PDB file of N, CA and C in Angstrom:
ATOM      1  N   MET A   1       0.761  -1.420   0.151  1.00  0.00           N
ATOM      2  CA  MET A   1      -0.288   0.048  -0.083  1.00  0.00           C
ATOM      3  C   MET A   1       0.923   1.477   0.179  1.00  0.00           C
ATOM      4  N   ILE A   2       0.093   2.311  -0.509  1.00  0.00           N
ATOM      5  CA  ILE A   2       1.070   3.686  -0.724  1.00  0.00           C
ATOM      6  C   ILE A   2       0.587   4.585   0.542  1.00  0.00           C
ATOM      7  N   PRO A   3       1.260   4.781   1.643  1.00  0.00           N
ATOM      8  CA  PRO A   3       0.566   5.769   2.504  1.00  0.00           C
ATOM      9  C   PRO A   3       0.177   6.937   2.255  1.00  0.00           C
ATOM     10  N   GLY A   4      -1.221   6.958   2.564  1.00  0.00           N
ATOM     11  CA  GLY A   4      -2.025   8.200   2.404  1.00  0.00           C
ATOM     12  C   GLY A   4      -2.902   7.990   1.353  1.00  0.00           C
ATOM     13  N   MET A   5      -2.786   6.863   0.476  1.00  0.00           N
ATOM     14  CA  MET A   5      -3.584   6.826  -0.833  1.00  0.00           C
ATOM     15  C   MET A   5      -4.855   5.932  -0.596  1.00  0.00           C
ATOM     16  N   ASN A   6      -6.016   6.231  -1.069  1.00  0.00           N
ATOM     17  CA  ASN A   6      -7.010   5.563  -0.694  1.00  0.00           C
ATOM     18  C   ASN A   6      -7.027   4.450  -1.231  1.00  0.00           C
ATOM     19  N   PRO A   7      -6.870   3.075  -0.679  1.00  0.00           N
ATOM     20  CA  PRO A   7      -7.036   1.586  -1.466  1.00  0.00           C
ATOM     21  C   PRO A   7      -7.777   1.837  -2.718  1.00  0.00           C
ATOM     22  N   ARG A   8      -9.277   2.595  -2.708  1.00  0.00           N
ATOM     23  CA  ARG A   8     -10.126   2.419  -4.223  1.00  0.00           C
ATOM     24  C   ARG A   8      -9.140   2.983  -4.809  1.00  0.00           C
ATOM     25  N   ASP A   9      -8.639   4.145  -4.943  1.00  0.00           N
ATOM     26  CA  ASP A   9      -8.245   5.067  -5.853  1.00  0.00           C
ATOM     27  C   ASP A   9      -6.627   4.080  -6.277  1.00  0.00           C
ATOM     28  N   LEU A  10      -6.394   3.509  -5.268  1.00  0.00           N
ATOM     29  CA  LEU A  10      -4.955   2.803  -5.798  1.00  0.00           C
ATOM     30  C   LEU A  10      -5.509   1.647  -6.664  1.00  0.00           C
ATOM     31  N   GLN A  11      -6.333   0.894  -6.193  1.00  0.00           N
ATOM     32  CA  GLN A  11      -7.059   0.024  -7.352  1.00  0.00           C
ATOM     33  C   GLN A  11      -7.091   0.438  -8.526  1.00  0.00           C
ATOM     34  N   LYS A  12      -8.005   1.698  -8.902  1.00  0.00           N
ATOM     35  CA  LYS A  12      -8.249   2.274 -10.307  1.00  0.00           C
ATOM     36  C   LYS A  12      -6.850   2.741 -10.807  1.00  0.00           C
ATOM     37  N   ALA A  13      -5.953   3.295 -10.148  1.00  0.00           N
ATOM     38  CA  ALA A  13      -4.638   3.468 -10.929  1.00  0.00           C
ATOM     39  C   ALA A  13      -4.070   2.298 -11.324  1.00  0.00           C
ATOM     40  N   MET A  14      -4.108   1.084 -10.757  1.00  0.00           N
ATOM     41  CA  MET A  14      -3.299  -0.016 -10.807  1.00  0.00           C
ATOM     42  C   MET A  14      -4.094  -0.668 -12.425  1.00  0.00           C
ATOM     43  N   LYS A  15      -5.256  -0.534 -12.198  1.00  0.00           N
ATOM     44  CA  LYS A  15      -6.135  -1.181 -13.546  1.00  0.00           C
ATOM     45  C   LYS A  15      -5.762  -0.433 -14.417  1.00  0.00           C
ATOM     46  N   ARG A  16      -5.460   1.087 -14.330  1.00  0.00           N
ATOM     47  CA  ARG A  16      -5.041   1.900 -15.992  1.00  0.00           C
ATOM     48  C   ARG A  16      -3.628   1.445 -16.256  1.00  0.00           C
ATOM     49  N   LEU A  17      -2.880   1.280 -15.255  1.00  0.00           N
ATOM     50  CA  LEU A  17      -1.645   0.778 -15.573  1.00  0.00           C
ATOM     51  C   LEU A  17      -1.354  -0.900 -16.006  1.00  0.00           C
ATOM     52  N   GLY A  18      -2.480  -1.421 -16.137  1.00  0.00           N
ATOM     53  CA  GLY A  18      -2.621  -2.977 -16.480  1.00  0.00           C
ATOM     54  C   GLY A  18      -1.881  -4.001 -15.438  1.00  0.00           C
ATOM     55  N   MET A  19      -2.316  -3.699 -14.196  1.00  0.00           N
ATOM     56  CA  MET A  19      -1.754  -4.202 -13.317  1.00  0.00           C
ATOM     57  C   MET A  19      -2.970  -4.857 -12.474  1.00  0.00           C
ATOM     58  N   LYS A  20      -3.223  -6.310 -12.230  1.00  0.00           N
ATOM     59  CA  LYS A  20      -3.960  -6.931 -11.654  1.00  0.00           C
ATOM     60  C   LYS A  20      -3.405  -7.640 -10.396  1.00  0.00           C
ATOM     61  N   GLN A  21      -4.191  -7.632  -9.204  1.00  0.00           N
ATOM     62  CA  GLN A  21      -3.589  -8.140  -7.946  1.00  0.00           C
ATOM     63  C   GLN A  21      -4.622  -9.239  -7.516  1.00  0.00           C
ATOM     64  N   GLU A  22      -4.133 -10.220  -6.816  1.00  0.00           N
ATOM     65  CA  GLU A  22      -5.117 -11.295  -6.617  1.00  0.00           C
ATOM     66  C   GLU A  22      -4.294 -11.883  -5.256  1.00  0.00           C
ATOM     67  N   GLU A  23      -5.105 -11.928  -4.113  1.00  0.00           N
ATOM     68  CA  GLU A  23      -4.642 -12.898  -2.683  1.00  0.00           C
ATOM     69  C   GLU A  23      -4.872 -14.361  -3.073  1.00  0.00           C
ATOM     70  N   ILE A  24      -3.602 -14.937  -2.742  1.00  0.00           N
ATOM     71  CA  ILE A  24      -3.881 -16.351  -3.056  1.00  0.00           C
ATOM     72  C   ILE A  24      -3.684 -17.148  -1.572  1.00  0.00           C
ATOM     73  N   GLU A  25      -4.938 -17.802  -1.048  1.00  0.00           N
ATOM     74  CA  GLU A  25      -5.009 -18.106   0.253  1.00  0.00           C
ATOM     75  C   GLU A  25      -3.999 -19.736   0.256  1.00  0.00           C
ATOM     76  N   ALA A  26      -2.830 -19.260   1.223  1.00  0.00           N
ATOM     77  CA  ALA A  26      -2.183 -20.329   1.592  1.00  0.00           C
ATOM     78  C   ALA A  26      -1.686 -20.406   3.117  1.00  0.00           C
ATOM     79  N   SER A  27      -1.196 -21.951   3.254  1.00  0.00           N
ATOM     80  CA  SER A  27      -1.129 -22.090   4.633  1.00  0.00           C
ATOM     81  C   SER A  27       0.345 -22.312   4.807  1.00  0.00           C
ATOM     82  N   GLU A  28       1.325 -22.335   3.826  1.00  0.00           N
ATOM     83  CA  GLU A  28       2.590 -22.565   3.851  1.00  0.00           C
ATOM     84  C   GLU A  28       3.026 -22.580   2.495  1.00  0.00           C
ATOM     85  N   VAL A  29       4.018 -21.819   2.567  1.00  0.00           N
ATOM     86  CA  VAL A  29       5.066 -21.787   1.007  1.00  0.00           C
ATOM     87  C   VAL A  29       6.547 -22.406   1.177  1.00  0.00           C
ATOM     88  N   VAL A  30       6.905 -23.372   0.157  1.00  0.00           N
ATOM     89  CA  VAL A  30       7.955 -23.917   0.420  1.00  0.00           C
ATOM     90  C   VAL A  30       9.191 -23.359  -0.909  1.00  0.00           C
ATOM     91  N   ILE A  31      10.065 -22.897  -0.709  1.00  0.00           N
ATOM     92  CA  ILE A  31      11.108 -22.546  -1.856  1.00  0.00           C
ATOM     93  C   ILE A  31      12.275 -23.727  -1.606  1.00  0.00           C
ATOM     94  N   LYS A  32      12.321 -24.595  -2.647  1.00  0.00           N
ATOM     95  CA  LYS A  32      13.348 -25.441  -2.943  1.00  0.00           C
ATOM     96  C   LYS A  32      14.782 -24.984  -3.333  1.00  0.00           C
ATOM     97  N   CYS A  33      15.862 -25.136  -2.929  1.00  0.00           N
ATOM     98  CA  CYS A  33      17.032 -24.407  -3.256  1.00  0.00           C
ATOM     99  C   CYS A  33      17.657 -25.740  -3.687  1.00  0.00           C
ATOM    100  N   THR A  34      18.997 -25.703  -3.849  1.00  0.00           N
ATOM    101  CA  THR A  34      19.965 -27.138  -4.385  1.00  0.00           C
ATOM    102  C   THR A  34      20.203 -27.710  -2.712  1.00  0.00           C
ATOM    103  N   ASP A  35      20.200 -27.026  -2.058  1.00  0.00           N
ATOM    104  CA  ASP A  35      21.002 -26.838  -0.533  1.00  0.00           C
ATOM    105  C   ASP A  35      20.059 -27.050   0.534  1.00  0.00           C
ATOM    106  N   LYS A  36      19.098 -26.080   0.439  1.00  0.00           N
ATOM    107  CA  LYS A  36      17.815 -25.709   1.626  1.00  0.00           C
ATOM    108  C   LYS A  36      16.785 -25.567   0.928  1.00  0.00           C
ATOM    109  N   GLU A  37      15.882 -25.346   1.743  1.00  0.00           N
ATOM    110  CA  GLU A  37      14.581 -25.102   1.668  1.00  0.00           C
ATOM    111  C   GLU A  37      14.114 -23.779   2.506  1.00  0.00           C
ATOM    112  N   LEU A  38      13.274 -23.000   1.821  1.00  0.00           N
ATOM    113  CA  LEU A  38      13.023 -21.872   2.629  1.00  0.00           C
ATOM    114  C   LEU A  38      11.352 -22.299   2.955  1.00  0.00           C
ATOM    115  N   VAL A  39      11.209 -22.289   4.118  1.00  0.00           N
ATOM    116  CA  VAL A  39       9.785 -22.147   4.588  1.00  0.00           C
ATOM    117  C   VAL A  39       9.070 -20.986   5.010  1.00  0.00           C
ATOM    118  N   VAL A  40       8.188 -20.750   4.530  1.00  0.00           N
ATOM    119  CA  VAL A  40       7.457 -19.349   4.753  1.00  0.00           C
ATOM    120  C   VAL A  40       5.875 -19.608   5.677  1.00  0.00           C
ATOM    121  N   HIS A  41       6.041 -19.559   6.697  1.00  0.00           N
ATOM    122  CA  HIS A  41       5.053 -20.253   7.731  1.00  0.00           C
ATOM    123  C   HIS A  41       3.794 -18.514   7.884  1.00  0.00           C
ATOM    124  N   ASN A  42       2.755 -19.022   7.888  1.00  0.00           N
ATOM    125  CA  ASN A  42       1.823 -18.007   7.759  1.00  0.00           C
ATOM    126  C   ASN A  42       1.846 -16.997   6.880  1.00  0.00           C
ATOM    127  N   PRO A  43       2.041 -17.259   5.633  1.00  0.00           N
ATOM    128  CA  PRO A  43       2.124 -16.344   4.522  1.00  0.00           C
ATOM    129  C   PRO A  43       0.916 -15.687   4.127  1.00  0.00           C
ATOM    130  N   GLN A  44       1.436 -14.434   3.465  1.00  0.00           N
ATOM    131  CA  GLN A  44       0.278 -13.757   2.716  1.00  0.00           C
ATOM    132  C   GLN A  44       1.170 -13.742   1.432  1.00  0.00           C
ATOM    133  N   VAL A  45       0.048 -14.237   0.249  1.00  0.00           N
ATOM    134  CA  VAL A  45       0.687 -14.450  -0.718  1.00  0.00           C
ATOM    135  C   VAL A  45      -0.223 -13.736  -1.860  1.00  0.00           C
ATOM    136  N   MET A  46       0.660 -12.807  -2.886  1.00  0.00           N
ATOM    137  CA  MET A  46      -0.460 -12.021  -3.620  1.00  0.00           C
ATOM    138  C   MET A  46       0.353 -11.890  -5.077  1.00  0.00           C
ATOM    139  N   LYS A  47      -0.393 -12.439  -6.112  1.00  0.00           N
ATOM    140  CA  LYS A  47      -0.274 -12.748  -7.418  1.00  0.00           C
ATOM    141  C   LYS A  47      -0.426 -11.457  -8.223  1.00  0.00           C
ATOM    142  N   VAL A  48       0.545 -10.891  -8.716  1.00  0.00           N
ATOM    143  CA  VAL A  48       0.542  -9.664  -9.306  1.00  0.00           C
ATOM    144  C   VAL A  48       0.667  -9.801 -10.938  1.00  0.00           C
ATOM    145  N   ASN A  49      -0.021  -9.529 -11.777  1.00  0.00           N
ATOM    146  CA  ASN A  49      -0.119  -9.465 -13.159  1.00  0.00           C
ATOM    147  C   ASN A  49       0.419  -7.971 -13.787  1.00  0.00           C
ATOM    148  N   VAL A  50       1.542  -7.875 -14.170  1.00  0.00           N
ATOM    149  CA  VAL A  50       1.632  -6.477 -14.842  1.00  0.00           C
ATOM    150  C   VAL A  50       2.009  -6.869 -16.324  1.00  0.00           C
ATOM    151  N   MET A  51       1.176  -6.179 -17.163  1.00  0.00           N
ATOM    152  CA  MET A  51       1.094  -6.381 -18.465  1.00  0.00           C
ATOM    153  C   MET A  51       1.414  -7.799 -19.040  1.00  0.00           C
ATOM    154  N   GLY A  52       0.679  -8.723 -18.539  1.00  0.00           N
ATOM    155  CA  GLY A  52       0.946 -10.289 -18.878  1.00  0.00           C
ATOM    156  C   GLY A  52       2.413 -10.842 -17.981  1.00  0.00           C
ATOM    157  N   GLN A  53       3.226 -10.120 -17.203  1.00  0.00           N
ATOM    158  CA  GLN A  53       4.057 -11.030 -16.517  1.00  0.00           C
ATOM    159  C   GLN A  53       3.369 -11.150 -15.029  1.00  0.00           C
ATOM    160  N   GLU A  54       3.567 -12.245 -14.558  1.00  0.00           N
ATOM    161  CA  GLU A  54       3.105 -12.662 -13.280  1.00  0.00           C
ATOM    162  C   GLU A  54       4.115 -12.763 -12.357  1.00  0.00           C
ATOM    163  N   SER A  55       3.885 -12.257 -11.087  1.00  0.00           N
ATOM    164  CA  SER A  55       4.749 -12.678 -10.087  1.00  0.00           C
ATOM    165  C   SER A  55       4.142 -12.852  -8.685  1.00  0.00           C
ATOM    166  N   LEU A  56       4.876 -13.415  -7.566  1.00  0.00           N
ATOM    167  CA  LEU A  56       4.369 -13.544  -6.564  1.00  0.00           C
ATOM    168  C   LEU A  56       5.350 -12.790  -5.543  1.00  0.00           C
ATOM    169  N   GLN A  57       4.311 -12.107  -4.480  1.00  0.00           N
ATOM    170  CA  GLN A  57       4.648 -11.284  -3.398  1.00  0.00           C
ATOM    171  C   GLN A  57       4.543 -12.239  -2.422  1.00  0.00           C
ATOM    172  N   ILE A  58       5.423 -12.389  -1.413  1.00  0.00           N
ATOM    173  CA  ILE A  58       5.359 -13.433  -0.003  1.00  0.00           C
ATOM    174  C   ILE A  58       5.927 -12.641   0.919  1.00  0.00           C
ATOM    175  N   THR A  59       4.920 -12.641   1.930  1.00  0.00           N
ATOM    176  CA  THR A  59       5.555 -12.134   3.447  1.00  0.00           C
ATOM    177  C   THR A  59       5.351 -13.200   4.473  1.00  0.00           C
ATOM    178  N   GLY A  60       5.737 -13.362   5.469  1.00  0.00           N
ATOM    179  CA  GLY A  60       5.655 -14.407   6.362  1.00  0.00           C
ATOM    180  C   GLY A  60       7.144 -14.289   7.246  1.00  0.00           C
ATOM    181  N   GLU A  61       6.630 -15.268   8.372  1.00  0.00           N
ATOM    182  CA  GLU A  61       7.775 -15.682   9.136  1.00  0.00           C
ATOM    183  C   GLU A  61       8.586 -16.978   8.023  1.00  0.00           C
ATOM    184  N   ILE A  62      10.102 -16.970   8.039  1.00  0.00           N
ATOM    185  CA  ILE A  62      10.775 -17.594   7.194  1.00  0.00           C
ATOM    186  C   ILE A  62      11.641 -18.376   7.881  1.00  0.00           C
ATOM    187  N   GLU A  63      11.522 -19.422   7.446  1.00  0.00           N
ATOM    188  CA  GLU A  63      12.217 -20.583   8.429  1.00  0.00           C
ATOM    189  C   GLU A  63      13.144 -21.494   7.222  1.00  0.00           C
ATOM    190  N   GLU A  64      14.557 -21.403   7.487  1.00  0.00           N
ATOM    191  CA  GLU A  64      15.465 -22.206   6.539  1.00  0.00           C
ATOM    192  C   GLU A  64      15.920 -23.469   7.249  1.00  0.00           C
ATOM    193  N   ARG A  65      15.554 -24.557   6.010  1.00  0.00           N
ATOM    194  CA  ARG A  65      16.018 -25.915   6.404  1.00  0.00           C
ATOM    195  C   ARG A  65      17.170 -26.407   5.519  1.00  0.00           C
ATOM    196  N   LEU A  66      18.168 -26.753   6.283  1.00  0.00           N
ATOM    197  CA  LEU A  66      19.293 -27.300   5.153  1.00  0.00           C
ATOM    198  C   LEU A  66      18.732 -28.909   4.975  1.00  0.00           C
ATOM    199  N   LEU A  67      19.010 -29.334   3.610  1.00  0.00           N
ATOM    200  CA  LEU A  67      18.591 -30.361   3.044  1.00  0.00           C
ATOM    201  C   LEU A  67      19.564 -31.468   3.091  1.00  0.00           C
ATOM    202  N   SER A  68      19.250 -32.763   3.409  1.00  0.00           N
ATOM    203  CA  SER A  68      20.139 -33.777   3.640  1.00  0.00           C
ATOM    204  C   SER A  68      20.407 -34.768   2.295  1.00  0.00           C
ATOM    205  N   SER A  69      21.463 -34.829   2.120  1.00  0.00           N
ATOM    206  CA  SER A  69      21.660 -35.681   0.654  1.00  0.00           C
ATOM    207  C   SER A  69      21.518 -37.207   0.844  1.00  0.00           C
ATOM    208  N   ILE A  70      21.013 -37.471   1.870  1.00  0.00           N
ATOM    209  CA  ILE A  70      20.656 -38.907   2.449  1.00  0.00           C
ATOM    210  C   ILE A  70      19.247 -39.175   1.864  1.00  0.00           C
ATOM    211  N   LYS A  71      19.161 -40.311   1.126  1.00  0.00           N
ATOM    212  CA  LYS A  71      17.956 -40.797   0.845  1.00  0.00           C
ATOM    213  C   LYS A  71      17.263 -41.439   1.816  1.00  0.00           C
ATOM    214  N   ASP A  72      15.821 -41.504   1.760  1.00  0.00           N
ATOM    215  CA  ASP A  72      15.039 -42.124   2.568  1.00  0.00           C
ATOM    216  C   ASP A  72      15.448 -43.577   2.948  1.00  0.00           C
ATOM    217  N   GLU A  73      15.369 -44.197   1.673  1.00  0.00           N
ATOM    218  CA  GLU A  73      15.556 -45.543   1.322  1.00  0.00           C
ATOM    219  C   GLU A  73      17.084 -45.859   2.022  1.00  0.00           C
ATOM    220  N   ASP A  74      17.919 -45.068   2.080  1.00  0.00           N
ATOM    221  CA  ASP A  74      19.125 -45.491   2.880  1.00  0.00           C
ATOM    222  C   ASP A  74      18.797 -45.478   4.315  1.00  0.00           C
ATOM    223  N   ILE A  75      18.129 -44.499   4.802  1.00  0.00           N
ATOM    224  CA  ILE A  75      17.928 -44.256   6.277  1.00  0.00           C
ATOM    225  C   ILE A  75      16.942 -45.567   6.623  1.00  0.00           C
ATOM    226  N   GLU A  76      16.002 -45.854   5.986  1.00  0.00           N
ATOM    227  CA  GLU A  76      15.398 -47.233   6.159  1.00  0.00           C
ATOM    228  C   GLU A  76      15.939 -48.591   6.411  1.00  0.00           C
ATOM    229  N   SER A  77      16.988 -48.509   5.264  1.00  0.00           N
ATOM    230  CA  SER A  77      17.920 -49.457   5.650  1.00  0.00           C
ATOM    231  C   SER A  77      18.662 -49.747   6.729  1.00  0.00           C
ATOM    232  N   VAL A  78      19.313 -48.539   7.104  1.00  0.00           N
ATOM    233  CA  VAL A  78      19.888 -48.526   8.363  1.00  0.00           C
ATOM    234  C   VAL A  78      19.283 -48.862   9.412  1.00  0.00           C
ATOM    235  N   VAL A  79      18.182 -48.529   9.560  1.00  0.00           N
ATOM    236  CA  VAL A  79      16.841 -48.483  10.726  1.00  0.00           C
ATOM    237  C   VAL A  79      16.645 -50.210  10.945  1.00  0.00           C
ATOM    238  N   GLU A  80      16.099 -50.716  10.004  1.00  0.00           N
ATOM    239  CA  GLU A  80      15.922 -52.006   9.616  1.00  0.00           C
ATOM    240  C   GLU A  80      17.170 -52.835  10.105  1.00  0.00           C
ATOM    241  N   GLN A  81      18.186 -52.806   9.647  1.00  0.00           N
ATOM    242  CA  GLN A  81      19.460 -53.342  10.058  1.00  0.00           C
ATOM    243  C   GLN A  81      19.808 -53.458  11.331  1.00  0.00           C
ATOM    244  N   THR A  82      19.597 -52.196  11.810  1.00  0.00           N
ATOM    245  CA  THR A  82      20.261 -51.872  13.232  1.00  0.00           C
ATOM    246  C   THR A  82      19.228 -51.691  14.575  1.00  0.00           C
ATOM    247  N   GLY A  83      18.223 -51.152  14.223  1.00  0.00           N
ATOM    248  CA  GLY A  83      17.082 -51.294  15.088  1.00  0.00           C
ATOM    249  C   GLY A  83      17.000 -49.796  16.043  1.00  0.00           C
ATOM    250  N   VAL A  84      17.883 -49.014  15.423  1.00  0.00           N
ATOM    251  CA  VAL A  84      18.316 -47.611  15.974  1.00  0.00           C
ATOM    252  C   VAL A  84      16.902 -46.673  15.189  1.00  0.00           C
ATOM    253  N   SER A  85      16.862 -45.406  15.814  1.00  0.00           N
ATOM    254  CA  SER A  85      15.839 -44.830  15.374  1.00  0.00           C
ATOM    255  C   SER A  85      16.195 -44.296  14.043  1.00  0.00           C
ATOM    256  N   ARG A  86      15.214 -43.372  13.605  1.00  0.00           N
ATOM    257  CA  ARG A  86      15.385 -42.754  12.407  1.00  0.00           C
ATOM    258  C   ARG A  86      16.349 -41.519  12.400  1.00  0.00           C
ATOM    259  N   GLU A  87      16.181 -40.788  13.412  1.00  0.00           N
ATOM    260  CA  GLU A  87      17.075 -39.613  13.724  1.00  0.00           C
ATOM    261  C   GLU A  87      18.374 -40.412  13.948  1.00  0.00           C
ATOM    262  N   ASN A  88      18.578 -41.227  14.654  1.00  0.00           N
ATOM    263  CA  ASN A  88      20.098 -41.718  14.711  1.00  0.00           C
ATOM    264  C   ASN A  88      20.593 -42.260  13.589  1.00  0.00           C
ATOM    265  N   ALA A  89      19.811 -42.784  12.720  1.00  0.00           N
ATOM    266  CA  ALA A  89      20.229 -43.627  11.610  1.00  0.00           C
ATOM    267  C   ALA A  89      20.728 -42.484  10.282  1.00  0.00           C
ATOM    268  N   LEU A  90      20.069 -41.365  10.793  1.00  0.00           N
ATOM    269  CA  LEU A  90      20.270 -40.374   9.735  1.00  0.00           C
ATOM    270  C   LEU A  90      21.599 -39.318  10.300  1.00  0.00           C
ATOM    271  N   LYS A  91      21.606 -39.408  11.467  1.00  0.00           N
ATOM    272  CA  LYS A  91      23.094 -38.583  12.180  1.00  0.00           C
ATOM    273  C   LYS A  91      24.271 -39.615  11.736  1.00  0.00           C
ATOM    274  N   ALA A  92      24.032 -40.934  12.240  1.00  0.00           N
ATOM    275  CA  ALA A  92      24.627 -41.989  11.698  1.00  0.00           C
ATOM    276  C   ALA A  92      25.473 -41.688  10.054  1.00  0.00           C
ATOM    277  N   LEU A  93      24.266 -41.846   9.461  1.00  0.00           N
ATOM    278  CA  LEU A  93      24.906 -41.760   7.936  1.00  0.00           C
ATOM    279  C   LEU A  93      25.453 -40.720   7.386  1.00  0.00           C
ATOM    280  N   GLU A  94      25.180 -39.323   8.127  1.00  0.00           N
ATOM    281  CA  GLU A  94      25.566 -38.232   7.805  1.00  0.00           C
ATOM    282  C   GLU A  94      27.495 -38.267   8.276  1.00  0.00           C
ATOM    283  N   GLU A  95      27.552 -38.700   9.619  1.00  0.00           N
ATOM    284  CA  GLU A  95      28.873 -39.132   9.754  1.00  0.00           C
ATOM    285  C   GLU A  95      29.734 -39.617   9.191  1.00  0.00           C
ATOM    286  N   ASN A  96      29.074 -41.141   8.460  1.00  0.00           N
ATOM    287  CA  ASN A  96      29.942 -42.006   7.523  1.00  0.00           C
ATOM    288  C   ASN A  96      29.822 -41.420   5.898  1.00  0.00           C
ATOM    289  N   ASP A  97      29.514 -40.035   5.997  1.00  0.00           N
ATOM    290  CA  ASP A  97      29.442 -39.379   4.582  1.00  0.00           C
ATOM    291  C   ASP A  97      28.359 -40.466   3.793  1.00  0.00           C
ATOM    292  N   GLY A  98      27.194 -40.774   4.244  1.00  0.00           N
ATOM    293  CA  GLY A  98      26.170 -41.407   3.258  1.00  0.00           C
ATOM    294  C   GLY A  98      26.621 -43.342   3.128  1.00  0.00           C
ATOM    295  N   ASP A  99      27.417 -43.396   3.484  1.00  0.00           N
ATOM    296  CA  ASP A  99      28.261 -44.906   3.290  1.00  0.00           C
ATOM    297  C   ASP A  99      27.134 -46.103   4.267  1.00  0.00           C
ATOM    298  N   ILE A 100      26.371 -46.592   3.524  1.00  0.00           N
ATOM    299  CA  ILE A 100      25.506 -47.402   4.211  1.00  0.00           C
ATOM    300  C   ILE A 100      26.107 -48.508   5.147  1.00  0.00           C
ATOM    301  N   ALA A 101      27.159 -49.320   4.155  1.00  0.00           N
ATOM    302  CA  ALA A 101      27.559 -50.403   5.081  1.00  0.00           C
ATOM    303  C   ALA A 101      28.647 -49.700   6.155  1.00  0.00           C
ATOM    304  N   LYS A 102      29.180 -48.984   6.258  1.00  0.00           N
ATOM    305  CA  LYS A 102      29.996 -48.554   7.090  1.00  0.00           C
ATOM    306  C   LYS A 102      29.290 -47.865   8.322  1.00  0.00           C
ATOM    307  N   THR A 103      28.129 -47.337   8.269  1.00  0.00           N
ATOM    308  CA  THR A 103      26.954 -46.902   8.995  1.00  0.00           C
ATOM    309  C   THR A 103      26.434 -47.915   9.812  1.00  0.00           C
ATOM    310  N   ILE A 104      26.100 -49.138   9.180  1.00  0.00           N
ATOM    311  CA  ILE A 104      25.641 -50.572   9.809  1.00  0.00           C
ATOM    312  C   ILE A 104      26.666 -50.873  10.745  1.00  0.00           C
ATOM    313  N   LEU A 105      27.751 -51.212  10.311  1.00  0.00           N
ATOM    314  CA  LEU A 105      29.038 -51.796  11.042  1.00  0.00           C
ATOM    315  C   LEU A 105      29.341 -51.122  12.176  1.00  0.00           C
ATOM    316  N   HIS A 106      29.335 -49.487  11.939  1.00  0.00           N
ATOM    317  CA  HIS A 106      29.563 -48.735  13.234  1.00  0.00           C
ATOM    318  C   HIS A 106      28.739 -48.785  14.185  1.00  0.00           C
ATOM    319  N   LEU A 107      27.062 -48.915  13.939  1.00  0.00           N
ATOM    320  CA  LEU A 107      25.985 -48.957  14.929  1.00  0.00           C
ATOM    321  C   LEU A 107      25.694 -50.278  15.216  1.00  0.00           C
ATOM    322  N   LYS A 108      26.505 -51.310  14.964  1.00  0.00           N
ATOM    323  CA  LYS A 108      26.210 -52.679  15.387  1.00  0.00           C
ATOM    324  C   LYS A 108      27.425 -52.957  16.423  1.00  0.00           C
ATOM    325  N   GLU A 109      28.645 -52.215  16.371  1.00  0.00           N
ATOM    326  CA  GLU A 109      29.477 -52.361  17.391  1.00  0.00           C
ATOM    327  C   GLU A 109      29.013 -52.095  18.776  1.00  0.00           C
TER     328      GLU A 109
END
């Protein structure tokens, strides 16, 4: 919003400029990067169309999560072979650079 400008006048001005704005109901927004995810909690999402070009404007509480390169099936294999929790299996796999055999041997010691 532009401070001091009537919302109705703002809508008219946007229409004259070929701008359309639409609110999108969202409960969570996730942006996936190569090494992490950005998760926006309680987001306000606006889709803006300016002369045929669409863009999204997102505001909210941002949480950054690092992605693990360890596959789910690798974690499950370690859990099945050793009986440890999923969290402990993931931690052990990360400590052993994703080497399943080395992780299982380490956990069985």
